[in-house]
């Protein structure tokens, strides 16, 4: 199934104009990276409610379903996918239909809904409604997988104002997506995202880091050693990482992996204590040392 979506991704990439891609601020996830991201979740079983904001053509959802169907004890998958671009939505619907067929064949219930509205706008409204005196509880997601858009938020934009209404101060869409998703996760819910590394330290993302690291516990960090690999089909130069975290207070050791190639066939790995990864005093993340400061975190090649 995922191979079909990969071919659809390549076709869509050829058809999507650079202007549209720049406006969306989003680049579709290649299949090898999507498969790796879904492998970071703990075993998938029971009744799953998945959030895929900025879903594109459904690559990450497809990889998630493929991974879940390989595991025992799975009863149902309900997907809420957000996508604003009409062309993407048409292909996303095809992907959802393929996921439904695979689940039906495996005897697993599959429900899905494609939301056409902006994720931040819709998510903030859900959170705000819950916080009012007569509000109703927001839907809670057991899992979230995302490749959010990367674009600066102007200080006077409606998006900036909406995020401020739920206590989030940030300057980029991707951290806005992460923050809203965290609000909507169930307790012990899991999130896996591929995002720029810029939020890890510095003053611009300090408010977001404080919120994220208070609500979420890091489990796994993957660092791309070269910034031209994660989205090399689009010739994007961006320092990306993959973050896996759970909405819980337990601070267990963090698995750190690294690769030089987008195919992830050269993985190196080690485990680090939580305090080695997150600086206790000012809540900076030491993710960059996984690659550039080997004296702190030596990455050991997988045997």
C-alpha atoms as a PDB file:
ATOM      1  CA  UNK A   1       0.000   0.000   0.000  1.00  0.00           C
ATOM      2  CA  UNK A   2       2.728   2.474   0.937  1.00  0.00           C
ATOM      3  CA  UNK A   3       4.499   1.846  -2.374  1.00  0.00           C
ATOM      4  CA  UNK A   4       1.358   3.057  -4.159  1.00  0.00           C
ATOM      5  CA  UNK A   5       1.328   6.222  -2.063  1.00  0.00           C
ATOM      6  CA  UNK A   6       5.026   6.780  -2.777  1.00  0.00           C
ATOM      7  CA  UNK A   7       4.349   6.723  -6.521  1.00  0.00           C
ATOM      8  CA  UNK A   8       1.484   9.157  -5.950  1.00  0.00           C
ATOM      9  CA  UNK A   9       3.831  11.415  -3.972  1.00  0.00           C
ATOM     10  CA  UNK A  10       6.370  11.506  -6.789  1.00  0.00           C
ATOM     11  CA  UNK A  11       3.664  12.348  -9.340  1.00  0.00           C
ATOM     12  CA  UNK A  12       2.258  15.077  -7.107  1.00  0.00           C
ATOM     13  CA  UNK A  13       5.717  16.544  -6.565  1.00  0.00           C
ATOM     14  CA  UNK A  14       6.177  16.868 -10.326  1.00  0.00           C
ATOM     15  CA  UNK A  15       2.793  18.555 -10.726  1.00  0.00           C
ATOM     16  CA  UNK A  16       3.010  20.903  -7.755  1.00  0.00           C
ATOM     17  CA  UNK A  17       4.315  24.339  -8.704  1.00  0.00           C
ATOM     18  CA  UNK A  18       7.153  25.844  -6.642  1.00  0.00           C
ATOM     19  CA  UNK A  19       4.864  28.806  -5.902  1.00  0.00           C
ATOM     20  CA  UNK A  20       2.174  26.555  -4.421  1.00  0.00           C
ATOM     21  CA  UNK A  21       4.738  24.524  -2.478  1.00  0.00           C
ATOM     22  CA  UNK A  22       6.222  27.709  -1.051  1.00  0.00           C
ATOM     23  CA  UNK A  23       2.790  29.030  -0.113  1.00  0.00           C
ATOM     24  CA  UNK A  24       1.927  25.790   1.676  1.00  0.00           C
ATOM     25  CA  UNK A  25       5.348  25.676   3.320  1.00  0.00           C
ATOM     26  CA  UNK A  26       5.208  21.900   3.194  1.00  0.00           C
ATOM     27  CA  UNK A  27       7.216  19.096   1.613  1.00  0.00           C
ATOM     28  CA  UNK A  28       5.876  15.556   1.403  1.00  0.00           C
ATOM     29  CA  UNK A  29       7.535  12.781   3.380  1.00  0.00           C
ATOM     30  CA  UNK A  30       9.394  10.064   1.412  1.00  0.00           C
ATOM     31  CA  UNK A  31       8.308   6.480   2.141  1.00  0.00           C
ATOM     32  CA  UNK A  32      11.533   5.327   3.915  1.00  0.00           C
ATOM     33  CA  UNK A  33      11.280   8.199   6.396  1.00  0.00           C
ATOM     34  CA  UNK A  34       7.537   7.620   6.878  1.00  0.00           C
ATOM     35  CA  UNK A  35       8.152   3.947   7.675  1.00  0.00           C
ATOM     36  CA  UNK A  36      10.902   4.849  10.144  1.00  0.00           C
ATOM     37  CA  UNK A  37       8.673   7.392  11.879  1.00  0.00           C
ATOM     38  CA  UNK A  38       5.874   4.885  12.423  1.00  0.00           C
ATOM     39  CA  UNK A  39       8.336   2.346  13.805  1.00  0.00           C
ATOM     40  CA  UNK A  40       9.024   4.698  16.737  1.00  0.00           C
ATOM     41  CA  UNK A  41       5.566   4.275  18.281  1.00  0.00           C
ATOM     42  CA  UNK A  42       5.124   1.711  21.024  1.00  0.00           C
ATOM     43  CA  UNK A  43       3.197  -1.411  19.856  1.00  0.00           C
ATOM     44  CA  UNK A  44      -0.048  -0.354  18.195  1.00  0.00           C
ATOM     45  CA  UNK A  45      -3.099  -2.160  19.554  1.00  0.00           C
ATOM     46  CA  UNK A  46      -6.661  -1.648  20.756  1.00  0.00           C
ATOM     47  CA  UNK A  47      -8.722   1.293  19.508  1.00  0.00           C
ATOM     48  CA  UNK A  48      -6.530   3.949  17.913  1.00  0.00           C
ATOM     49  CA  UNK A  49      -7.562   7.523  17.173  1.00  0.00           C
ATOM     50  CA  UNK A  50      -4.924   9.087  14.918  1.00  0.00           C
ATOM     51  CA  UNK A  51      -4.356  12.773  14.178  1.00  0.00           C
ATOM     52  CA  UNK A  52      -2.524  13.707  10.963  1.00  0.00           C
ATOM     53  CA  UNK A  53      -2.424  17.522  10.650  1.00  0.00           C
ATOM     54  CA  UNK A  54      -1.134  18.796   7.324  1.00  0.00           C
ATOM     55  CA  UNK A  55      -1.758  15.338   5.908  1.00  0.00           C
ATOM     56  CA  UNK A  56      -0.828  16.029   2.271  1.00  0.00           C
ATOM     57  CA  UNK A  57      -1.650  12.945   0.227  1.00  0.00           C
ATOM     58  CA  UNK A  58      -1.652  10.698   3.308  1.00  0.00           C
ATOM     59  CA  UNK A  59       1.871   9.254   3.287  1.00  0.00           C
ATOM     60  CA  UNK A  60       2.243   9.257   7.084  1.00  0.00           C
ATOM     61  CA  UNK A  61      -1.240   7.861   7.732  1.00  0.00           C
ATOM     62  CA  UNK A  62      -0.628   5.115   5.178  1.00  0.00           C
ATOM     63  CA  UNK A  63       2.681   4.192   6.834  1.00  0.00           C
ATOM     64  CA  UNK A  64       0.980   4.203  10.244  1.00  0.00           C
ATOM     65  CA  UNK A  65      -1.790   1.873   9.058  1.00  0.00           C
ATOM     66  CA  UNK A  66       0.733  -0.426   7.389  1.00  0.00           C
ATOM     67  CA  UNK A  67       2.708  -0.637  10.651  1.00  0.00           C
ATOM     68  CA  UNK A  68      -0.398  -1.140  12.808  1.00  0.00           C
ATOM     69  CA  UNK A  69      -1.726  -3.991  10.656  1.00  0.00           C
ATOM     70  CA  UNK A  70       1.497  -5.930  11.267  1.00  0.00           C
ATOM     71  CA  UNK A  71       0.835  -6.026  15.017  1.00  0.00           C
ATOM     72  CA  UNK A  72      -1.471  -8.090  17.212  1.00  0.00           C
ATOM     73  CA  UNK A  73      -4.444  -6.847  19.198  1.00  0.00           C
ATOM     74  CA  UNK A  74      -5.512  -4.051  16.862  1.00  0.00           C
ATOM     75  CA  UNK A  75      -9.289  -3.452  16.936  1.00  0.00           C
ATOM     76  CA  UNK A  76      -9.897  -0.185  15.102  1.00  0.00           C
ATOM     77  CA  UNK A  77      -8.238   2.883  13.612  1.00  0.00           C
ATOM     78  CA  UNK A  78     -10.010   6.233  13.370  1.00  0.00           C
ATOM     79  CA  UNK A  79      -8.133   8.904  11.396  1.00  0.00           C
ATOM     80  CA  UNK A  80      -8.653  12.658  11.459  1.00  0.00           C
ATOM     81  CA  UNK A  81      -6.606  14.195   8.637  1.00  0.00           C
ATOM     82  CA  UNK A  82      -6.338  17.954   8.020  1.00  0.00           C
ATOM     83  CA  UNK A  83      -5.487  19.257   4.560  1.00  0.00           C
ATOM     84  CA  UNK A  84      -6.311  22.649   3.013  1.00  0.00           C
ATOM     85  CA  UNK A  85      -5.086  22.095  -0.567  1.00  0.00           C
ATOM     86  CA  UNK A  86      -7.802  20.717  -2.925  1.00  0.00           C
ATOM     87  CA  UNK A  87      -5.407  18.728  -5.136  1.00  0.00           C
ATOM     88  CA  UNK A  88      -3.790  17.126  -2.097  1.00  0.00           C
ATOM     89  CA  UNK A  89      -7.211  16.294  -0.647  1.00  0.00           C
ATOM     90  CA  UNK A  90      -8.291  14.410  -3.763  1.00  0.00           C
ATOM     91  CA  UNK A  91      -5.227  12.185  -3.521  1.00  0.00           C
ATOM     92  CA  UNK A  92      -5.549  11.951   0.247  1.00  0.00           C
ATOM     93  CA  UNK A  93      -9.034  10.531  -0.246  1.00  0.00           C
ATOM     94  CA  UNK A  94      -7.600   7.832  -2.538  1.00  0.00           C
ATOM     95  CA  UNK A  95      -5.041   6.952   0.136  1.00  0.00           C
ATOM     96  CA  UNK A  96      -7.768   6.719   2.786  1.00  0.00           C
ATOM     97  CA  UNK A  97      -9.780   4.395   0.583  1.00  0.00           C
ATOM     98  CA  UNK A  98      -6.720   2.155   0.183  1.00  0.00           C
ATOM     99  CA  UNK A  99      -6.203   2.149   3.958  1.00  0.00           C
ATOM    100  CA  UNK A 100      -9.851   1.217   4.434  1.00  0.00           C
ATOM    101  CA  UNK A 101      -9.535  -1.699   2.005  1.00  0.00           C
ATOM    102  CA  UNK A 102      -6.411  -3.040   3.735  1.00  0.00           C
ATOM    103  CA  UNK A 103      -8.003  -2.771   7.180  1.00  0.00           C
ATOM    104  CA  UNK A 104     -11.195  -4.423   5.970  1.00  0.00           C
ATOM    105  CA  UNK A 105      -9.183  -7.312   4.587  1.00  0.00           C
ATOM    106  CA  UNK A 106      -7.451  -7.684   7.955  1.00  0.00           C
ATOM    107  CA  UNK A 107     -10.723  -7.532   9.907  1.00  0.00           C
ATOM    108  CA  UNK A 108      -9.905  -4.149  11.485  1.00  0.00           C
ATOM    109  CA  UNK A 109     -12.457  -1.331  11.601  1.00  0.00           C
ATOM    110  CA  UNK A 110     -11.269   1.799   9.803  1.00  0.00           C
ATOM    111  CA  UNK A 111     -12.981   5.172   9.987  1.00  0.00           C
ATOM    112  CA  UNK A 112     -11.662   8.393   8.510  1.00  0.00           C
ATOM    113  CA  UNK A 113     -12.507  12.039   8.147  1.00  0.00           C
ATOM    114  CA  UNK A 114     -10.742  14.641   6.024  1.00  0.00           C
ATOM    115  CA  UNK A 115     -10.996  18.134   7.513  1.00  0.00           C
ATOM    116  CA  UNK A 116     -10.701  20.948   4.995  1.00  0.00           C
ATOM    117  CA  UNK A 117     -10.149  23.765   7.487  1.00  0.00           C
ATOM    118  CA  UNK A 118      -6.855  25.128   8.746  1.00  0.00           C
ATOM    119  CA  UNK A 119      -5.569  22.896  11.553  1.00  0.00           C
ATOM    120  CA  UNK A 120      -4.414  25.671  13.864  1.00  0.00           C
ATOM    121  CA  UNK A 121      -7.662  27.590  13.521  1.00  0.00           C
ATOM    122  CA  UNK A 122      -9.779  24.474  14.087  1.00  0.00           C
ATOM    123  CA  UNK A 123      -7.577  23.131  16.873  1.00  0.00           C
ATOM    124  CA  UNK A 124      -7.481  26.403  18.796  1.00  0.00           C
ATOM    125  CA  UNK A 125     -11.262  26.585  18.607  1.00  0.00           C
ATOM    126  CA  UNK A 126     -11.539  23.076  20.062  1.00  0.00           C
ATOM    127  CA  UNK A 127      -9.184  23.926  22.921  1.00  0.00           C
ATOM    128  CA  UNK A 128     -10.862  27.278  23.664  1.00  0.00           C
ATOM    129  CA  UNK A 129     -14.316  25.703  23.671  1.00  0.00           C
ATOM    130  CA  UNK A 130     -13.143  23.150  26.201  1.00  0.00           C
ATOM    131  CA  UNK A 131     -11.820  25.876  28.468  1.00  0.00           C
ATOM    132  CA  UNK A 132     -15.105  27.814  28.638  1.00  0.00           C
ATOM    133  CA  UNK A 133     -17.534  27.409  31.537  1.00  0.00           C
ATOM    134  CA  UNK A 134     -20.015  25.370  29.515  1.00  0.00           C
ATOM    135  CA  UNK A 135     -17.554  23.932  27.037  1.00  0.00           C
ATOM    136  CA  UNK A 136     -17.501  20.323  25.919  1.00  0.00           C
ATOM    137  CA  UNK A 137     -14.367  18.159  26.047  1.00  0.00           C
ATOM    138  CA  UNK A 138     -12.258  18.246  22.888  1.00  0.00           C
ATOM    139  CA  UNK A 139     -11.694  15.003  20.989  1.00  0.00           C
ATOM    140  CA  UNK A 140      -8.603  13.259  22.302  1.00  0.00           C
ATOM    141  CA  UNK A 141      -6.149  11.457  20.059  1.00  0.00           C
ATOM    142  CA  UNK A 142      -4.172   8.415  21.130  1.00  0.00           C
ATOM    143  CA  UNK A 143      -1.546   9.052  18.449  1.00  0.00           C
ATOM    144  CA  UNK A 144      -0.349  11.898  16.266  1.00  0.00           C
ATOM    145  CA  UNK A 145       2.010  11.722  13.307  1.00  0.00           C
ATOM    146  CA  UNK A 146       2.970  14.831  11.391  1.00  0.00           C
ATOM    147  CA  UNK A 147       5.125  16.614   8.886  1.00  0.00           C
ATOM    148  CA  UNK A 148       3.832  20.146   9.504  1.00  0.00           C
ATOM    149  CA  UNK A 149       4.331  23.189   7.268  1.00  0.00           C
ATOM    150  CA  UNK A 150       7.457  25.265   7.855  1.00  0.00           C
ATOM    151  CA  UNK A 151       6.751  28.977   7.501  1.00  0.00           C
ATOM    152  CA  UNK A 152       7.265  32.059   9.635  1.00  0.00           C
ATOM    153  CA  UNK A 153       4.235  33.545  11.382  1.00  0.00           C
ATOM    154  CA  UNK A 154       3.976  37.312  11.164  1.00  0.00           C
ATOM    155  CA  UNK A 155       3.598  39.069  14.501  1.00  0.00           C
ATOM    156  CA  UNK A 156       0.303  40.674  13.419  1.00  0.00           C
ATOM    157  CA  UNK A 157      -1.192  37.584  11.720  1.00  0.00           C
ATOM    158  CA  UNK A 158      -4.451  35.898  12.751  1.00  0.00           C
ATOM    159  CA  UNK A 159      -2.540  32.646  13.273  1.00  0.00           C
ATOM    160  CA  UNK A 160      -0.273  34.313  15.860  1.00  0.00           C
ATOM    161  CA  UNK A 161      -3.324  35.743  17.628  1.00  0.00           C
ATOM    162  CA  UNK A 162      -5.127  32.394  17.632  1.00  0.00           C
ATOM    163  CA  UNK A 163      -2.158  30.597  19.206  1.00  0.00           C
ATOM    164  CA  UNK A 164      -1.808  33.320  21.842  1.00  0.00           C
ATOM    165  CA  UNK A 165      -5.422  32.647  22.838  1.00  0.00           C
ATOM    166  CA  UNK A 166      -4.365  29.228  24.144  1.00  0.00           C
ATOM    167  CA  UNK A 167      -1.132  30.481  25.692  1.00  0.00           C
ATOM    168  CA  UNK A 168       1.247  29.626  22.846  1.00  0.00           C
ATOM    169  CA  UNK A 169       3.803  32.196  21.711  1.00  0.00           C
ATOM    170  CA  UNK A 170       5.772  31.068  18.667  1.00  0.00           C
ATOM    171  CA  UNK A 171       7.114  32.431  15.392  1.00  0.00           C
ATOM    172  CA  UNK A 172       6.741  29.449  13.022  1.00  0.00           C
ATOM    173  CA  UNK A 173       3.857  27.315  11.811  1.00  0.00           C
ATOM    174  CA  UNK A 174       5.538  24.017  12.620  1.00  0.00           C
ATOM    175  CA  UNK A 175       5.788  24.754  16.342  1.00  0.00           C
ATOM    176  CA  UNK A 176       2.212  26.039  16.254  1.00  0.00           C
ATOM    177  CA  UNK A 177       1.095  22.701  14.791  1.00  0.00           C
ATOM    178  CA  UNK A 178       3.052  20.821  17.453  1.00  0.00           C
ATOM    179  CA  UNK A 179       1.585  22.896  20.273  1.00  0.00           C
ATOM    180  CA  UNK A 180      -2.037  22.449  19.177  1.00  0.00           C
ATOM    181  CA  UNK A 181      -1.490  18.712  18.666  1.00  0.00           C
ATOM    182  CA  UNK A 182      -0.088  18.380  22.186  1.00  0.00           C
ATOM    183  CA  UNK A 183      -3.208  20.060  23.568  1.00  0.00           C
ATOM    184  CA  UNK A 184      -5.392  17.538  21.722  1.00  0.00           C
ATOM    185  CA  UNK A 185      -3.462  14.397  22.694  1.00  0.00           C
ATOM    186  CA  UNK A 186      -4.914  12.058  25.289  1.00  0.00           C
ATOM    187  CA  UNK A 187      -2.922  11.381  28.432  1.00  0.00           C
ATOM    188  CA  UNK A 188      -0.103   8.957  27.540  1.00  0.00           C
ATOM    189  CA  UNK A 189      -0.783   9.753  23.875  1.00  0.00           C
ATOM    190  CA  UNK A 190       2.195   9.547  21.526  1.00  0.00           C
ATOM    191  CA  UNK A 191       3.467  12.005  18.936  1.00  0.00           C
ATOM    192  CA  UNK A 192       6.020  11.500  16.161  1.00  0.00           C
ATOM    193  CA  UNK A 193       6.972  14.461  13.960  1.00  0.00           C
ATOM    194  CA  UNK A 194       9.620  15.431  11.441  1.00  0.00           C
ATOM    195  CA  UNK A 195      10.436  19.100  11.992  1.00  0.00           C
ATOM    196  CA  UNK A 196      13.261  21.638  11.684  1.00  0.00           C
ATOM    197  CA  UNK A 197      15.859  21.570  14.437  1.00  0.00           C
ATOM    198  CA  UNK A 198      15.557  25.304  15.070  1.00  0.00           C
ATOM    199  CA  UNK A 199      13.233  24.942  18.082  1.00  0.00           C
ATOM    200  CA  UNK A 200      15.878  23.082  20.094  1.00  0.00           C
ATOM    201  CA  UNK A 201      17.594  26.167  21.470  1.00  0.00           C
ATOM    202  CA  UNK A 202      17.622  29.940  21.262  1.00  0.00           C
ATOM    203  CA  UNK A 203      15.348  32.667  22.576  1.00  0.00           C
ATOM    204  CA  UNK A 204      12.753  32.636  19.761  1.00  0.00           C
ATOM    205  CA  UNK A 205      11.413  29.202  20.674  1.00  0.00           C
ATOM    206  CA  UNK A 206      11.975  29.317  24.453  1.00  0.00           C
ATOM    207  CA  UNK A 207       8.281  29.754  25.267  1.00  0.00           C
ATOM    208  CA  UNK A 208       7.335  26.834  23.029  1.00  0.00           C
ATOM    209  CA  UNK A 209      10.122  24.623  24.456  1.00  0.00           C
ATOM    210  CA  UNK A 210       8.955  25.323  27.991  1.00  0.00           C
ATOM    211  CA  UNK A 211       5.414  24.275  27.082  1.00  0.00           C
ATOM    212  CA  UNK A 212       6.409  21.236  25.036  1.00  0.00           C
ATOM    213  CA  UNK A 213       8.903  19.837  27.535  1.00  0.00           C
ATOM    214  CA  UNK A 214       6.481  20.357  30.418  1.00  0.00           C
ATOM    215  CA  UNK A 215       3.695  18.444  28.680  1.00  0.00           C
ATOM    216  CA  UNK A 216       5.696  15.824  26.780  1.00  0.00           C
ATOM    217  CA  UNK A 217       8.422  13.349  27.619  1.00  0.00           C
ATOM    218  CA  UNK A 218      11.006  12.708  24.922  1.00  0.00           C
ATOM    219  CA  UNK A 219      11.542   9.082  23.933  1.00  0.00           C
ATOM    220  CA  UNK A 220      13.492   9.121  20.691  1.00  0.00           C
ATOM    221  CA  UNK A 221      15.341  11.716  18.621  1.00  0.00           C
ATOM    222  CA  UNK A 222      16.642  11.122  15.134  1.00  0.00           C
ATOM    223  CA  UNK A 223      19.179  13.518  13.622  1.00  0.00           C
ATOM    224  CA  UNK A 224      19.897  13.840   9.899  1.00  0.00           C
ATOM    225  CA  UNK A 225      23.615  14.492   9.604  1.00  0.00           C
ATOM    226  CA  UNK A 226      23.187  16.285   6.283  1.00  0.00           C
ATOM    227  CA  UNK A 227      20.589  18.971   5.687  1.00  0.00           C
ATOM    228  CA  UNK A 228      20.098  18.028   2.022  1.00  0.00           C
ATOM    229  CA  UNK A 229      18.777  14.505   2.690  1.00  0.00           C
ATOM    230  CA  UNK A 230      15.339  14.475   4.365  1.00  0.00           C
ATOM    231  CA  UNK A 231      13.580  16.170   1.420  1.00  0.00           C
ATOM    232  CA  UNK A 232      16.226  15.742  -1.239  1.00  0.00           C
ATOM    233  CA  UNK A 233      13.604  15.206  -3.984  1.00  0.00           C
ATOM    234  CA  UNK A 234      12.694  18.873  -3.533  1.00  0.00           C
ATOM    235  CA  UNK A 235      16.316  20.018  -3.132  1.00  0.00           C
ATOM    236  CA  UNK A 236      15.501  21.430   0.299  1.00  0.00           C
ATOM    237  CA  UNK A 237      18.366  22.509   2.566  1.00  0.00           C
ATOM    238  CA  UNK A 238      16.943  22.206   6.076  1.00  0.00           C
ATOM    239  CA  UNK A 239      18.304  20.813   9.318  1.00  0.00           C
ATOM    240  CA  UNK A 240      15.581  18.351  10.265  1.00  0.00           C
ATOM    241  CA  UNK A 241      15.050  15.995  13.162  1.00  0.00           C
ATOM    242  CA  UNK A 242      12.435  13.370  13.996  1.00  0.00           C
ATOM    243  CA  UNK A 243      10.958  13.683  17.478  1.00  0.00           C
ATOM    244  CA  UNK A 244       9.076  10.932  19.301  1.00  0.00           C
ATOM    245  CA  UNK A 245       7.459  11.951  22.594  1.00  0.00           C
ATOM    246  CA  UNK A 246       4.650  10.860  24.914  1.00  0.00           C
ATOM    247  CA  UNK A 247       2.236  12.967  26.961  1.00  0.00           C
ATOM    248  CA  UNK A 248       3.452  11.823  30.341  1.00  0.00           C
ATOM    249  CA  UNK A 249       5.749  12.938  33.162  1.00  0.00           C
ATOM    250  CA  UNK A 250       8.098   9.952  33.222  1.00  0.00           C
ATOM    251  CA  UNK A 251      11.612  10.971  32.206  1.00  0.00           C
ATOM    252  CA  UNK A 252      13.268   7.808  30.938  1.00  0.00           C
ATOM    253  CA  UNK A 253      16.513   7.596  28.948  1.00  0.00           C
ATOM    254  CA  UNK A 254      16.211   8.848  25.371  1.00  0.00           C
ATOM    255  CA  UNK A 255      17.223   6.848  22.303  1.00  0.00           C
ATOM    256  CA  UNK A 256      19.217   8.963  19.843  1.00  0.00           C
ATOM    257  CA  UNK A 257      19.778   7.823  16.289  1.00  0.00           C
ATOM    258  CA  UNK A 258      21.579   9.421  13.394  1.00  0.00           C
ATOM    259  CA  UNK A 259      21.860   8.854   9.655  1.00  0.00           C
ATOM    260  CA  UNK A 260      23.642  10.497   6.761  1.00  0.00           C
ATOM    261  CA  UNK A 261      21.264   9.126   4.130  1.00  0.00           C
ATOM    262  CA  UNK A 262      17.536   9.673   3.622  1.00  0.00           C
ATOM    263  CA  UNK A 263      17.088   5.929   3.072  1.00  0.00           C
ATOM    264  CA  UNK A 264      18.080   5.439   6.752  1.00  0.00           C
ATOM    265  CA  UNK A 265      20.148   2.380   5.875  1.00  0.00           C
ATOM    266  CA  UNK A 266      23.161   3.712   7.789  1.00  0.00           C
ATOM    267  CA  UNK A 267      21.616   4.204  11.233  1.00  0.00           C
ATOM    268  CA  UNK A 268      23.807   4.819  14.238  1.00  0.00           C
ATOM    269  CA  UNK A 269      22.332   4.666  17.735  1.00  0.00           C
ATOM    270  CA  UNK A 270      22.922   5.189  21.412  1.00  0.00           C
ATOM    271  CA  UNK A 271      20.916   5.836  24.576  1.00  0.00           C
ATOM    272  CA  UNK A 272      21.362   8.931  26.734  1.00  0.00           C
ATOM    273  CA  UNK A 273      20.004   9.997  30.099  1.00  0.00           C
ATOM    274  CA  UNK A 274      17.250  12.592  29.977  1.00  0.00           C
ATOM    275  CA  UNK A 275      19.475  15.294  31.476  1.00  0.00           C
ATOM    276  CA  UNK A 276      22.052  14.731  28.750  1.00  0.00           C
ATOM    277  CA  UNK A 277      19.440  15.598  26.158  1.00  0.00           C
ATOM    278  CA  UNK A 278      17.446  18.319  27.933  1.00  0.00           C
ATOM    279  CA  UNK A 279      19.360  20.940  29.862  1.00  0.00           C
ATOM    280  CA  UNK A 280      17.595  21.112  33.267  1.00  0.00           C
ATOM    281  CA  UNK A 281      18.111  24.828  33.902  1.00  0.00           C
ATOM    282  CA  UNK A 282      16.851  26.635  30.797  1.00  0.00           C
ATOM    283  CA  UNK A 283      15.151  23.715  29.024  1.00  0.00           C
ATOM    284  CA  UNK A 284      17.324  23.809  25.924  1.00  0.00           C
ATOM    285  CA  UNK A 285      17.626  20.634  23.930  1.00  0.00           C
ATOM    286  CA  UNK A 286      21.103  19.310  23.262  1.00  0.00           C
ATOM    287  CA  UNK A 287      20.005  17.549  20.105  1.00  0.00           C
ATOM    288  CA  UNK A 288      22.808  19.100  18.035  1.00  0.00           C
ATOM    289  CA  UNK A 289      25.494  17.401  20.109  1.00  0.00           C
ATOM    290  CA  UNK A 290      24.377  14.017  18.806  1.00  0.00           C
ATOM    291  CA  UNK A 291      26.235  14.855  15.613  1.00  0.00           C
ATOM    292  CA  UNK A 292      28.550  17.784  16.187  1.00  0.00           C
ATOM    293  CA  UNK A 293      29.886  17.126  19.679  1.00  0.00           C
ATOM    294  CA  UNK A 294      30.858  13.492  19.811  1.00  0.00           C
ATOM    295  CA  UNK A 295      32.657  14.007  23.111  1.00  0.00           C
ATOM    296  CA  UNK A 296      29.240  14.442  24.762  1.00  0.00           C
ATOM    297  CA  UNK A 297      27.153  11.834  22.981  1.00  0.00           C
ATOM    298  CA  UNK A 298      29.101   9.276  21.033  1.00  0.00           C
ATOM    299  CA  UNK A 299      26.882   7.656  18.415  1.00  0.00           C
ATOM    300  CA  UNK A 300      27.634   3.962  18.178  1.00  0.00           C
ATOM    301  CA  UNK A 301      27.063   2.221  14.882  1.00  0.00           C
ATOM    302  CA  UNK A 302      24.354  -0.436  15.034  1.00  0.00           C
ATOM    303  CA  UNK A 303      25.737  -3.955  14.886  1.00  0.00           C
END
